[in-house]
PDB file of N, CA and C in Angstrom:
ATOM      1  N   UNK A   1      39.789  34.964  40.843  1.00  0.00           N
ATOM      2  CA  UNK A   1      40.161  35.848  39.747  1.00  0.00           C
ATOM      3  C   UNK A   1      40.889  35.031  38.680  1.00  0.00           C
ATOM      4  N   UNK A   2      40.478  35.189  37.467  1.00  0.00           N
ATOM      5  CA  UNK A   2      41.102  34.480  36.354  1.00  0.00           C
ATOM      6  C   UNK A   2      41.509  35.469  35.272  1.00  0.00           C
ATOM      7  N   UNK A   3      42.614  35.178  34.660  1.00  0.00           N
ATOM      8  CA  UNK A   3      42.980  35.865  33.425  1.00  0.00           C
ATOM      9  C   UNK A   3      43.608  34.818  32.513  1.00  0.00           C
ATOM     10  N   UNK A   4      44.029  35.216  31.342  1.00  0.00           N
ATOM     11  CA  UNK A   4      44.488  34.255  30.352  1.00  0.00           C
ATOM     12  C   UNK A   4      45.836  34.653  29.773  1.00  0.00           C
ATOM     13  N   UNK A   5      46.570  33.640  29.305  1.00  0.00           N
ATOM     14  CA  UNK A   5      47.798  33.823  28.516  1.00  0.00           C
ATOM     15  C   UNK A   5      47.620  32.993  27.258  1.00  0.00           C
ATOM     16  N   UNK A   6      48.342  33.356  26.228  1.00  0.00           N
ATOM     17  CA  UNK A   6      48.350  32.538  25.014  1.00  0.00           C
ATOM     18  C   UNK A   6      49.311  31.382  25.211  1.00  0.00           C
ATOM     19  N   UNK A   7      48.956  30.220  24.682  1.00  0.00           N
ATOM     20  CA  UNK A   7      49.824  29.052  24.732  1.00  0.00           C
ATOM     21  C   UNK A   7      51.139  29.366  24.024  1.00  0.00           C
ATOM     22  N   UNK A   8      52.254  28.928  24.604  1.00  0.00           N
ATOM     23  CA  UNK A   8      53.574  29.178  24.024  1.00  0.00           C
ATOM     24  C   UNK A   8      54.031  28.077  23.067  1.00  0.00           C
ATOM     25  N   UNK A   9      53.185  27.090  22.814  1.00  0.00           N
ATOM     26  CA  UNK A   9      53.542  26.015  21.883  1.00  0.00           C
ATOM     27  C   UNK A   9      53.720  26.568  20.479  1.00  0.00           C
ATOM     28  N   UNK A  10      54.869  26.302  19.843  1.00  0.00           N
ATOM     29  CA  UNK A  10      55.136  26.869  18.519  1.00  0.00           C
ATOM     30  C   UNK A  10      54.194  26.354  17.427  1.00  0.00           C
ATOM     31  N   UNK A  11      53.556  25.198  17.657  1.00  0.00           N
ATOM     32  CA  UNK A  11      52.654  24.631  16.657  1.00  0.00           C
ATOM     33  C   UNK A  11      51.201  24.657  17.097  1.00  0.00           C
ATOM     34  N   UNK A  12      50.894  25.291  18.201  1.00  0.00           N
ATOM     35  CA  UNK A  12      49.541  25.274  18.749  1.00  0.00           C
ATOM     36  C   UNK A  12      48.515  25.743  17.714  1.00  0.00           C
ATOM     37  N   UNK A  13      48.859  26.747  16.948  1.00  0.00           N
ATOM     38  CA  UNK A  13      47.925  27.310  15.963  1.00  0.00           C
ATOM     39  C   UNK A  13      47.746  26.438  14.723  1.00  0.00           C
ATOM     40  N   UNK A  14      48.470  25.321  14.645  1.00  0.00           N
ATOM     41  CA  UNK A  14      48.362  24.457  13.467  1.00  0.00           C
ATOM     42  C   UNK A  14      47.521  23.213  13.724  1.00  0.00           C
ATOM     43  N   UNK A  15      47.191  22.926  14.971  1.00  0.00           N
ATOM     44  CA  UNK A  15      46.431  21.719  15.291  1.00  0.00           C
ATOM     45  C   UNK A  15      44.959  21.923  14.971  1.00  0.00           C
ATOM     46  N   UNK A  16      44.378  20.982  14.250  1.00  0.00           N
ATOM     47  CA  UNK A  16      42.998  21.101  13.785  1.00  0.00           C
ATOM     48  C   UNK A  16      42.020  20.590  14.830  1.00  0.00           C
ATOM     49  N   UNK A  17      41.599  21.478  15.715  1.00  0.00           N
ATOM     50  CA  UNK A  17      40.561  21.160  16.687  1.00  0.00           C
ATOM     51  C   UNK A  17      39.505  22.255  16.622  1.00  0.00           C
ATOM     52  N   UNK A  18      38.271  21.930  16.982  1.00  0.00           N
ATOM     53  CA  UNK A  18      37.166  22.881  16.863  1.00  0.00           C
ATOM     54  C   UNK A  18      37.360  24.123  17.715  1.00  0.00           C
ATOM     55  N   UNK A  19      37.988  23.974  18.890  1.00  0.00           N
ATOM     56  CA  UNK A  19      38.139  25.138  19.763  1.00  0.00           C
ATOM     57  C   UNK A  19      39.176  26.136  19.247  1.00  0.00           C
ATOM     58  N   UNK A  20      39.953  25.769  18.243  1.00  0.00           N
ATOM     59  CA  UNK A  20      40.940  26.687  17.674  1.00  0.00           C
ATOM     60  C   UNK A  20      40.400  27.447  16.447  1.00  0.00           C
ATOM     61  N   UNK A  21      39.251  27.051  15.919  1.00  0.00           N
ATOM     62  CA  UNK A  21      38.688  27.684  14.715  1.00  0.00           C
ATOM     63  C   UNK A  21      38.106  29.040  15.094  1.00  0.00           C
ATOM     64  N   UNK A  22      38.526  30.072  14.393  1.00  0.00           N
ATOM     65  CA  UNK A  22      38.045  31.428  14.619  1.00  0.00           C
ATOM     66  C   UNK A  22      37.818  32.109  13.284  1.00  0.00           C
ATOM     67  N   UNK A  23      37.057  33.196  13.291  1.00  0.00           N
ATOM     68  CA  UNK A  23      36.839  33.998  12.097  1.00  0.00           C
ATOM     69  C   UNK A  23      35.441  33.855  11.543  1.00  0.00           C
ATOM     70  N   UNK A  24      35.132  34.727  10.602  1.00  0.00           N
ATOM     71  CA  UNK A  24      33.813  34.719   9.969  1.00  0.00           C
ATOM     72  C   UNK A  24      33.834  33.817   8.740  1.00  0.00           C
ATOM     73  N   UNK A  25      32.668  33.518   8.244  1.00  0.00           N
ATOM     74  CA  UNK A  25      32.533  32.616   7.104  1.00  0.00           C
ATOM     75  C   UNK A  25      33.370  33.118   5.923  1.00  0.00           C
ATOM     76  N   UNK A  26      34.183  32.220   5.392  1.00  0.00           N
ATOM     77  CA  UNK A  26      35.021  32.569   4.256  1.00  0.00           C
ATOM     78  C   UNK A  26      36.426  33.005   4.645  1.00  0.00           C
ATOM     79  N   UNK A  27      36.644  33.345   5.911  1.00  0.00           N
ATOM     80  CA  UNK A  27      37.996  33.740   6.344  1.00  0.00           C
ATOM     81  C   UNK A  27      38.315  33.112   7.707  1.00  0.00           C
ATOM     82  N   UNK A  28      38.189  31.801   7.784  1.00  0.00           N
ATOM     83  CA  UNK A  28      38.456  31.057   9.020  1.00  0.00           C
ATOM     84  C   UNK A  28      39.950  30.858   9.220  1.00  0.00           C
ATOM     85  N   UNK A  29      40.357  30.814  10.491  1.00  0.00           N
ATOM     86  CA  UNK A  29      41.748  30.547  10.850  1.00  0.00           C
ATOM     87  C   UNK A  29      41.768  29.600  12.041  1.00  0.00           C
ATOM     88  N   UNK A  30      42.918  28.933  12.216  1.00  0.00           N
ATOM     89  CA  UNK A  30      43.180  28.182  13.441  1.00  0.00           C
ATOM     90  C   UNK A  30      44.013  29.093  14.335  1.00  0.00           C
ATOM     91  N   UNK A  31      43.544  29.325  15.553  1.00  0.00           N
ATOM     92  CA  UNK A  31      44.210  30.264  16.460  1.00  0.00           C
ATOM     93  C   UNK A  31      44.798  29.521  17.657  1.00  0.00           C
ATOM     94  N   UNK A  32      45.915  30.035  18.161  1.00  0.00           N
ATOM     95  CA  UNK A  32      46.533  29.529  19.384  1.00  0.00           C
ATOM     96  C   UNK A  32      45.518  29.557  20.514  1.00  0.00           C
ATOM     97  N   UNK A  33      45.543  28.525  21.353  1.00  0.00           N
ATOM     98  CA  UNK A  33      44.622  28.458  22.486  1.00  0.00           C
ATOM     99  C   UNK A  33      45.024  29.427  23.598  1.00  0.00           C
ATOM    100  N   UNK A  34      44.025  29.862  24.360  1.00  0.00           N
ATOM    101  CA  UNK A  34      44.274  30.629  25.582  1.00  0.00           C
ATOM    102  C   UNK A  34      44.453  29.638  26.725  1.00  0.00           C
ATOM    103  N   UNK A  35      45.317  29.999  27.671  1.00  0.00           N
ATOM    104  CA  UNK A  35      45.559  29.178  28.854  1.00  0.00           C
ATOM    105  C   UNK A  35      45.064  29.968  30.059  1.00  0.00           C
ATOM    106  N   UNK A  36      44.132  29.394  30.798  1.00  0.00           N
ATOM    107  CA  UNK A  36      43.520  30.070  31.933  1.00  0.00           C
ATOM    108  C   UNK A  36      44.482  30.161  33.105  1.00  0.00           C
ATOM    109  N   UNK A  37      44.532  31.319  33.743  1.00  0.00           N
ATOM    110  CA  UNK A  37      45.350  31.558  34.927  1.00  0.00           C
ATOM    111  C   UNK A  37      44.427  31.782  36.115  1.00  0.00           C
ATOM    112  N   UNK A  38      44.336  30.830  37.016  1.00  0.00           N
ATOM    113  CA  UNK A  38      43.500  30.966  38.208  1.00  0.00           C
ATOM    114  C   UNK A  38      44.342  31.539  39.347  1.00  0.00           C
ATOM    115  N   UNK A  39      44.731  32.802  39.215  1.00  0.00           N
ATOM    116  CA  UNK A  39      45.643  33.388  40.199  1.00  0.00           C
ATOM    117  C   UNK A  39      45.000  33.585  41.565  1.00  0.00           C
ATOM    118  N   UNK A  40      43.680  33.568  41.649  1.00  0.00           N
ATOM    119  CA  UNK A  40      43.003  33.676  42.931  1.00  0.00           C
ATOM    120  C   UNK A  40      42.859  32.349  43.649  1.00  0.00           C
ATOM    121  N   UNK A  41      43.170  31.249  42.963  1.00  0.00           N
ATOM    122  CA  UNK A  41      43.053  29.905  43.529  1.00  0.00           C
ATOM    123  C   UNK A  41      44.180  29.695  44.520  1.00  0.00           C
ATOM    124  N   UNK A  42      43.890  29.140  45.691  1.00  0.00           N
ATOM    125  CA  UNK A  42      44.904  29.059  46.756  1.00  0.00           C
ATOM    126  C   UNK A  42      46.078  28.142  46.414  1.00  0.00           C
ATOM    127  N   UNK A  43      45.881  27.198  45.482  1.00  0.00           N
ATOM    128  CA  UNK A  43      46.976  26.310  45.093  1.00  0.00           C
ATOM    129  C   UNK A  43      47.661  26.767  43.800  1.00  0.00           C
ATOM    130  N   UNK A  44      47.412  27.992  43.375  1.00  0.00           N
ATOM    131  CA  UNK A  44      48.006  28.504  42.141  1.00  0.00           C
ATOM    132  C   UNK A  44      49.524  28.567  42.291  1.00  0.00           C
ATOM    133  N   UNK A  45      50.228  28.034  41.314  1.00  0.00           N
ATOM    134  CA  UNK A  45      51.696  28.057  41.310  1.00  0.00           C
ATOM    135  C   UNK A  45      52.149  28.762  40.041  1.00  0.00           C
ATOM    136  N   UNK A  46      52.713  29.965  40.157  1.00  0.00           N
ATOM    137  CA  UNK A  46      53.114  30.711  38.962  1.00  0.00           C
ATOM    138  C   UNK A  46      54.232  30.032  38.170  1.00  0.00           C
ATOM    139  N   UNK A  47      54.929  29.059  38.754  1.00  0.00           N
ATOM    140  CA  UNK A  47      56.024  28.380  38.069  1.00  0.00           C
ATOM    141  C   UNK A  47      55.592  27.100  37.370  1.00  0.00           C
ATOM    142  N   UNK A  48      54.324  26.742  37.433  1.00  0.00           N
ATOM    143  CA  UNK A  48      53.838  25.524  36.805  1.00  0.00           C
ATOM    144  C   UNK A  48      53.757  25.717  35.289  1.00  0.00           C
ATOM    145  N   UNK A  49      54.279  24.747  34.528  1.00  0.00           N
ATOM    146  CA  UNK A  49      54.302  24.910  33.070  1.00  0.00           C
ATOM    147  C   UNK A  49      52.911  24.919  32.462  1.00  0.00           C
ATOM    148  N   UNK A  50      51.911  24.395  33.166  1.00  0.00           N
ATOM    149  CA  UNK A  50      50.547  24.440  32.643  1.00  0.00           C
ATOM    150  C   UNK A  50      49.992  25.870  32.594  1.00  0.00           C
ATOM    151  N   UNK A  51      50.684  26.828  33.175  1.00  0.00           N
ATOM    152  CA  UNK A  51      50.281  28.233  33.067  1.00  0.00           C
ATOM    153  C   UNK A  51      50.693  28.833  31.728  1.00  0.00           C
ATOM    154  N   UNK A  52      51.508  28.127  30.962  1.00  0.00           N
ATOM    155  CA  UNK A  52      52.046  28.663  29.717  1.00  0.00           C
ATOM    156  C   UNK A  52      51.732  27.801  28.492  1.00  0.00           C
ATOM    157  N   UNK A  53      51.268  26.566  28.716  1.00  0.00           N
ATOM    158  CA  UNK A  53      51.002  25.638  27.624  1.00  0.00           C
ATOM    159  C   UNK A  53      49.623  25.018  27.808  1.00  0.00           C
ATOM    160  N   UNK A  54      48.908  24.819  26.706  1.00  0.00           N
ATOM    161  CA  UNK A  54      47.552  24.265  26.774  1.00  0.00           C
ATOM    162  C   UNK A  54      47.551  22.745  26.886  1.00  0.00           C
ATOM    163  N   UNK A  55      48.683  22.103  26.582  1.00  0.00           N
ATOM    164  CA  UNK A  55      48.739  20.638  26.625  1.00  0.00           C
ATOM    165  C   UNK A  55      50.188  20.178  26.734  1.00  0.00           C
ATOM    166  N   UNK A  56      50.374  18.912  27.059  1.00  0.00           N
ATOM    167  CA  UNK A  56      51.727  18.336  27.067  1.00  0.00           C
ATOM    168  C   UNK A  56      52.343  18.373  25.680  1.00  0.00           C
ATOM    169  N   UNK A  57      51.523  18.201  24.653  1.00  0.00           N
ATOM    170  CA  UNK A  57      52.025  18.247  23.280  1.00  0.00           C
ATOM    171  C   UNK A  57      52.646  19.594  22.951  1.00  0.00           C
ATOM    172  N   UNK A  58      51.964  20.679  23.326  1.00  0.00           N
ATOM    173  CA  UNK A  58      52.510  22.015  23.069  1.00  0.00           C
ATOM    174  C   UNK A  58      53.770  22.258  23.892  1.00  0.00           C
ATOM    175  N   UNK A  59      53.791  21.762  25.125  1.00  0.00           N
ATOM    176  CA  UNK A  59      54.986  21.873  25.963  1.00  0.00           C
ATOM    177  C   UNK A  59      56.161  21.128  25.324  1.00  0.00           C
ATOM    178  N   UNK A  60      55.905  19.907  24.860  1.00  0.00           N
ATOM    179  CA  UNK A  60      56.962  19.115  24.216  1.00  0.00           C
ATOM    180  C   UNK A  60      57.449  19.770  22.925  1.00  0.00           C
ATOM    181  N   UNK A  61      56.530  20.350  22.139  1.00  0.00           N
ATOM    182  CA  UNK A  61      56.930  21.065  20.918  1.00  0.00           C
ATOM    183  C   UNK A  61      57.866  22.219  21.255  1.00  0.00           C
ATOM    184  N   UNK A  62      57.508  22.977  22.281  1.00  0.00           N
ATOM    185  CA  UNK A  62      58.328  24.117  22.710  1.00  0.00           C
ATOM    186  C   UNK A  62      59.713  23.644  23.163  1.00  0.00           C
ATOM    187  N   UNK A  63      59.750  22.598  23.992  1.00  0.00           N
ATOM    188  CA  UNK A  63      61.031  22.077  24.480  1.00  0.00           C
ATOM    189  C   UNK A  63      61.886  21.564  23.323  1.00  0.00           C
ATOM    190  N   UNK A  64      61.268  20.891  22.360  1.00  0.00           N
ATOM    191  CA  UNK A  64      62.010  20.352  21.219  1.00  0.00           C
ATOM    192  C   UNK A  64      62.642  21.480  20.392  1.00  0.00           C
ATOM    193  N   UNK A  65      61.903  22.547  20.171  1.00  0.00           N
ATOM    194  CA  UNK A  65      62.407  23.667  19.370  1.00  0.00           C
ATOM    195  C   UNK A  65      63.472  24.460  20.128  1.00  0.00           C
ATOM    196  N   UNK A  66      63.342  24.565  21.460  1.00  0.00           N
ATOM    197  CA  UNK A  66      64.191  25.463  22.249  1.00  0.00           C
ATOM    198  C   UNK A  66      65.153  24.754  23.192  1.00  0.00           C
ATOM    199  N   UNK A  67      65.406  23.475  22.989  1.00  0.00           N
ATOM    200  CA  UNK A  67      66.201  22.715  23.948  1.00  0.00           C
ATOM    201  C   UNK A  67      67.603  23.296  24.169  1.00  0.00           C
ATOM    202  N   UNK A  68      68.259  23.774  23.140  1.00  0.00           N
ATOM    203  CA  UNK A  68      69.617  24.309  23.318  1.00  0.00           C
ATOM    204  C   UNK A  68      69.624  25.555  24.202  1.00  0.00           C
ATOM    205  N   UNK A  69      68.640  26.434  24.029  1.00  0.00           N
ATOM    206  CA  UNK A  69      68.550  27.629  24.873  1.00  0.00           C
ATOM    207  C   UNK A  69      68.187  27.250  26.306  1.00  0.00           C
ATOM    208  N   UNK A  70      67.330  26.239  26.474  1.00  0.00           N
ATOM    209  CA  UNK A  70      66.936  25.794  27.813  1.00  0.00           C
ATOM    210  C   UNK A  70      68.151  25.239  28.556  1.00  0.00           C
ATOM    211  N   UNK A  71      68.949  24.420  27.889  1.00  0.00           N
ATOM    212  CA  UNK A  71      70.133  23.830  28.518  1.00  0.00           C
ATOM    213  C   UNK A  71      71.158  24.904  28.877  1.00  0.00           C
ATOM    214  N   UNK A  72      71.271  25.960  28.072  1.00  0.00           N
ATOM    215  CA  UNK A  72      72.219  27.041  28.363  1.00  0.00           C
ATOM    216  C   UNK A  72      71.876  27.789  29.651  1.00  0.00           C
ATOM    217  N   UNK A  73      70.604  27.772  30.057  1.00  0.00           N
ATOM    218  CA  UNK A  73      70.200  28.455  31.288  1.00  0.00           C
ATOM    219  C   UNK A  73      70.863  27.799  32.498  1.00  0.00           C
ATOM    220  N   UNK A  74      70.868  26.481  32.549  1.00  0.00           N
ATOM    221  CA  UNK A  74      71.440  25.760  33.687  1.00  0.00           C
ATOM    222  C   UNK A  74      72.086  24.471  33.197  1.00  0.00           C
ATOM    223  N   UNK A  75      73.286  24.573  32.614  1.00  0.00           N
ATOM    224  CA  UNK A  75      73.929  23.360  32.095  1.00  0.00           C
ATOM    225  C   UNK A  75      74.298  22.394  33.222  1.00  0.00           C
ATOM    226  N   UNK A  76      74.176  21.105  32.964  1.00  0.00           N
ATOM    227  CA  UNK A  76      74.535  20.080  33.940  1.00  0.00           C
ATOM    228  C   UNK A  76      75.917  19.577  33.566  1.00  0.00           C
ATOM    229  N   UNK A  77      76.930  19.930  34.365  1.00  0.00           N
ATOM    230  CA  UNK A  77      78.307  19.543  34.084  1.00  0.00           C
ATOM    231  C   UNK A  77      78.751  18.339  34.898  1.00  0.00           C
ATOM    232  N   UNK A  78      78.011  18.022  35.956  1.00  0.00           N
ATOM    233  CA  UNK A  78      78.314  16.864  36.789  1.00  0.00           C
ATOM    234  C   UNK A  78      77.004  16.150  37.119  1.00  0.00           C
ATOM    235  N   UNK A  79      77.084  14.838  37.354  1.00  0.00           N
ATOM    236  CA  UNK A  79      75.851  14.118  37.705  1.00  0.00           C
ATOM    237  C   UNK A  79      75.401  14.458  39.124  1.00  0.00           C
ATOM    238  N   UNK A  80      74.113  14.340  39.373  1.00  0.00           N
ATOM    239  CA  UNK A  80      73.576  14.486  40.716  1.00  0.00           C
ATOM    240  C   UNK A  80      73.512  13.110  41.359  1.00  0.00           C
ATOM    241  N   UNK A  81      73.669  13.035  42.680  1.00  0.00           N
ATOM    242  CA  UNK A  81      73.617  11.758  43.376  1.00  0.00           C
ATOM    243  C   UNK A  81      72.815  11.905  44.662  1.00  0.00           C
ATOM    244  N   UNK A  82      72.093  10.848  45.020  1.00  0.00           N
ATOM    245  CA  UNK A  82      71.365  10.787  46.274  1.00  0.00           C
ATOM    246  C   UNK A  82      71.891   9.591  47.048  1.00  0.00           C
ATOM    247  N   UNK A  83      72.395   9.802  48.286  1.00  0.00           N
ATOM    248  CA  UNK A  83      72.892   8.675  49.071  1.00  0.00           C
ATOM    249  C   UNK A  83      71.760   7.721  49.448  1.00  0.00           C
ATOM    250  N   UNK A  84      72.030   6.411  49.316  1.00  0.00           N
ATOM    251  CA  UNK A  84      71.043   5.389  49.673  1.00  0.00           C
ATOM    252  C   UNK A  84      71.700   4.342  50.553  1.00  0.00           C
ATOM    253  N   UNK A  85      70.851   3.589  51.258  1.00  0.00           N
ATOM    254  CA  UNK A  85      71.333   2.421  51.987  1.00  0.00           C
ATOM    255  C   UNK A  85      71.537   1.296  50.975  1.00  0.00           C
ATOM    256  N   UNK A  86      72.252   0.249  51.366  1.00  0.00           N
ATOM    257  CA  UNK A  86      72.446  -0.890  50.468  1.00  0.00           C
ATOM    258  C   UNK A  86      71.087  -1.468  50.085  1.00  0.00           C
ATOM    259  N   UNK A  87      70.817  -1.649  48.788  1.00  0.00           N
ATOM    260  CA  UNK A  87      69.526  -2.211  48.358  1.00  0.00           C
ATOM    261  C   UNK A  87      69.328  -3.628  48.909  1.00  0.00           C
ATOM    262  N   UNK A  88      68.074  -3.942  49.274  1.00  0.00           N
ATOM    263  CA  UNK A  88      67.754  -5.259  49.825  1.00  0.00           C
ATOM    264  C   UNK A  88      66.740  -5.956  48.919  1.00  0.00           C
ATOM    265  N   UNK A  89      66.949  -7.245  48.706  1.00  0.00           N
ATOM    266  CA  UNK A  89      65.989  -8.059  47.969  1.00  0.00           C
ATOM    267  C   UNK A  89      64.905  -8.509  48.948  1.00  0.00           C
ATOM    268  N   UNK A  90      63.649  -8.238  48.622  1.00  0.00           N
ATOM    269  CA  UNK A  90      62.532  -8.607  49.482  1.00  0.00           C
ATOM    270  C   UNK A  90      61.659  -9.612  48.720  1.00  0.00           C
ATOM    271  N   UNK A  91      61.433 -10.784  49.350  1.00  0.00           N
ATOM    272  CA  UNK A  91      60.613 -11.816  48.720  1.00  0.00           C
ATOM    273  C   UNK A  91      59.181 -11.682  49.234  1.00  0.00           C
ATOM    274  N   UNK A  92      58.216 -11.701  48.314  1.00  0.00           N
ATOM    275  CA  UNK A  92      56.804 -11.584  48.649  1.00  0.00           C
ATOM    276  C   UNK A  92      56.090 -12.873  48.265  1.00  0.00           C
ATOM    277  N   UNK A  93      55.227 -13.357  49.163  1.00  0.00           N
ATOM    278  CA  UNK A  93      54.444 -14.566  48.908  1.00  0.00           C
ATOM    279  C   UNK A  93      52.973 -14.175  48.794  1.00  0.00           C
ATOM    280  N   UNK A  94      52.314 -14.615  47.738  1.00  0.00           N
ATOM    281  CA  UNK A  94      50.883 -14.400  47.577  1.00  0.00           C
ATOM    282  C   UNK A  94      50.244 -15.731  47.201  1.00  0.00           C
ATOM    283  N   UNK A  95      48.920 -15.772  47.152  1.00  0.00           N
ATOM    284  CA  UNK A  95      48.269 -17.013  46.748  1.00  0.00           C
ATOM    285  C   UNK A  95      48.450 -17.276  45.252  1.00  0.00           C
ATOM    286  N   UNK A  96      48.950 -16.284  44.500  1.00  0.00           N
ATOM    287  CA  UNK A  96      49.251 -16.473  43.075  1.00  0.00           C
ATOM    288  C   UNK A  96      50.663 -17.007  42.863  1.00  0.00           C
ATOM    289  N   UNK A  97      51.503 -16.880  43.865  1.00  0.00           N
ATOM    290  CA  UNK A  97      52.891 -17.291  43.749  1.00  0.00           C
ATOM    291  C   UNK A  97      53.787 -16.310  44.497  1.00  0.00           C
ATOM    292  N   UNK A  98      55.058 -16.377  44.225  1.00  0.00           N
ATOM    293  CA  UNK A  98      55.993 -15.478  44.910  1.00  0.00           C
ATOM    294  C   UNK A  98      56.721 -14.609  43.894  1.00  0.00           C
ATOM    295  N   UNK A  99      57.170 -13.462  44.372  1.00  0.00           N
ATOM    296  CA  UNK A  99      57.971 -12.564  43.543  1.00  0.00           C
ATOM    297  C   UNK A  99      58.931 -11.798  44.432  1.00  0.00           C
ATOM    298  N   UNK A 100      59.966 -11.252  43.824  1.00  0.00           N
ATOM    299  CA  UNK A 100      60.998 -10.535  44.558  1.00  0.00           C
ATOM    300  C   UNK A 100      61.069  -9.094  44.064  1.00  0.00           C
ATOM    301  N   UNK A 101      61.218  -8.170  45.003  1.00  0.00           N
ATOM    302  CA  UNK A 101      61.412  -6.769  44.661  1.00  0.00           C
ATOM    303  C   UNK A 101      62.698  -6.281  45.311  1.00  0.00           C
ATOM    304  N   UNK A 102      63.218  -5.196  44.802  1.00  0.00           N
ATOM    305  CA  UNK A 102      64.391  -4.576  45.391  1.00  0.00           C
ATOM    306  C   UNK A 102      63.946  -3.340  46.141  1.00  0.00           C
ATOM    307  N   UNK A 103      64.279  -3.284  47.415  1.00  0.00           N
ATOM    308  CA  UNK A 103      63.900  -2.156  48.259  1.00  0.00           C
ATOM    309  C   UNK A 103      65.071  -1.185  48.325  1.00  0.00           C
ATOM    310  N   UNK A 104      64.831   0.045  47.893  1.00  0.00           N
ATOM    311  CA  UNK A 104      65.873   1.073  47.920  1.00  0.00           C
ATOM    312  C   UNK A 104      65.401   2.186  48.840  1.00  0.00           C
ATOM    313  N   UNK A 105      66.181   2.456  49.886  1.00  0.00           N
ATOM    314  CA  UNK A 105      65.839   3.511  50.837  1.00  0.00           C
ATOM    315  C   UNK A 105      66.900   4.599  50.790  1.00  0.00           C
ATOM    316  N   UNK A 106      66.428   5.849  50.807  1.00  0.00           N
ATOM    317  CA  UNK A 106      67.358   6.968  50.865  1.00  0.00           C
ATOM    318  C   UNK A 106      67.991   7.005  52.247  1.00  0.00           C
ATOM    319  N   UNK A 107      69.265   7.315  52.300  1.00  0.00           N
ATOM    320  CA  UNK A 107      69.978   7.401  53.560  1.00  0.00           C
ATOM    321  C   UNK A 107      69.640   8.717  54.231  1.00  0.00           C
ATOM    322  N   UNK A 108      69.368   8.659  55.533  1.00  0.00           N
ATOM    323  CA  UNK A 108      69.090   9.872  56.296  1.00  0.00           C
ATOM    324  C   UNK A 108      70.418  10.419  56.776  1.00  0.00           C
ATOM    325  N   UNK A 109      70.684  11.689  56.440  1.00  0.00           N
ATOM    326  CA  UNK A 109      71.930  12.322  56.839  1.00  0.00           C
ATOM    327  C   UNK A 109      71.740  12.934  58.222  1.00  0.00           C
ATOM    328  N   UNK A 110      72.349  12.316  59.244  1.00  0.00           N
ATOM    329  CA  UNK A 110      72.181  12.783  60.612  1.00  0.00           C
ATOM    330  C   UNK A 110      73.134  13.926  60.964  1.00  0.00           C
ATOM    331  N   UNK A 111      74.147  14.197  60.138  1.00  0.00           N
ATOM    332  CA  UNK A 111      75.105  15.270  60.436  1.00  0.00           C
ATOM    333  C   UNK A 111      74.480  16.652  60.310  1.00  0.00           C
ATOM    334  N   UNK A 112      73.421  16.776  59.492  1.00  0.00           N
ATOM    335  CA  UNK A 112      72.762  18.073  59.320  1.00  0.00           C
ATOM    336  C   UNK A 112      71.445  18.137  60.098  1.00  0.00           C
ATOM    337  N   UNK A 113      71.271  17.240  61.066  1.00  0.00           N
ATOM    338  CA  UNK A 113      70.042  17.172  61.827  1.00  0.00           C
ATOM    339  C   UNK A 113      69.921  18.388  62.724  1.00  0.00           C
ATOM    340  N   UNK A 114      68.912  19.213  62.499  1.00  0.00           N
ATOM    341  CA  UNK A 114      68.746  20.469  63.225  1.00  0.00           C
ATOM    342  C   UNK A 114      68.082  20.236  64.577  1.00  0.00           C
ATOM    343  N   UNK A 115      67.165  19.267  64.671  1.00  0.00           N
ATOM    344  CA  UNK A 115      66.331  19.041  65.835  1.00  0.00           C
ATOM    345  C   UNK A 115      67.061  18.516  66.994  1.00  0.00           C
TER     346      UNK A 115
END
């Protein structure tokens, strides 16, 4: 089952693409794109932003225009942190030469281990 929503991008109706052209000869307009909703699809996620925007560009336009209202919904007053083990330098040897990478592993918290 599919239905559609209009793209929420504030500038979607201004982009000059053939699929946005609508109207009869002499009174053409550029129209906001429809966004398909595959609600019958088993992997459908109603919270995915692609259900509301036709492209990343329209999503970015919306975020740029509405960023202050978006931040007011859930302001970040403190930084988030993820515990990690001490980073280790790992040396790799190949027939092209050698290089070093830093290995960062998340720390497993055993105090909340349910099993």
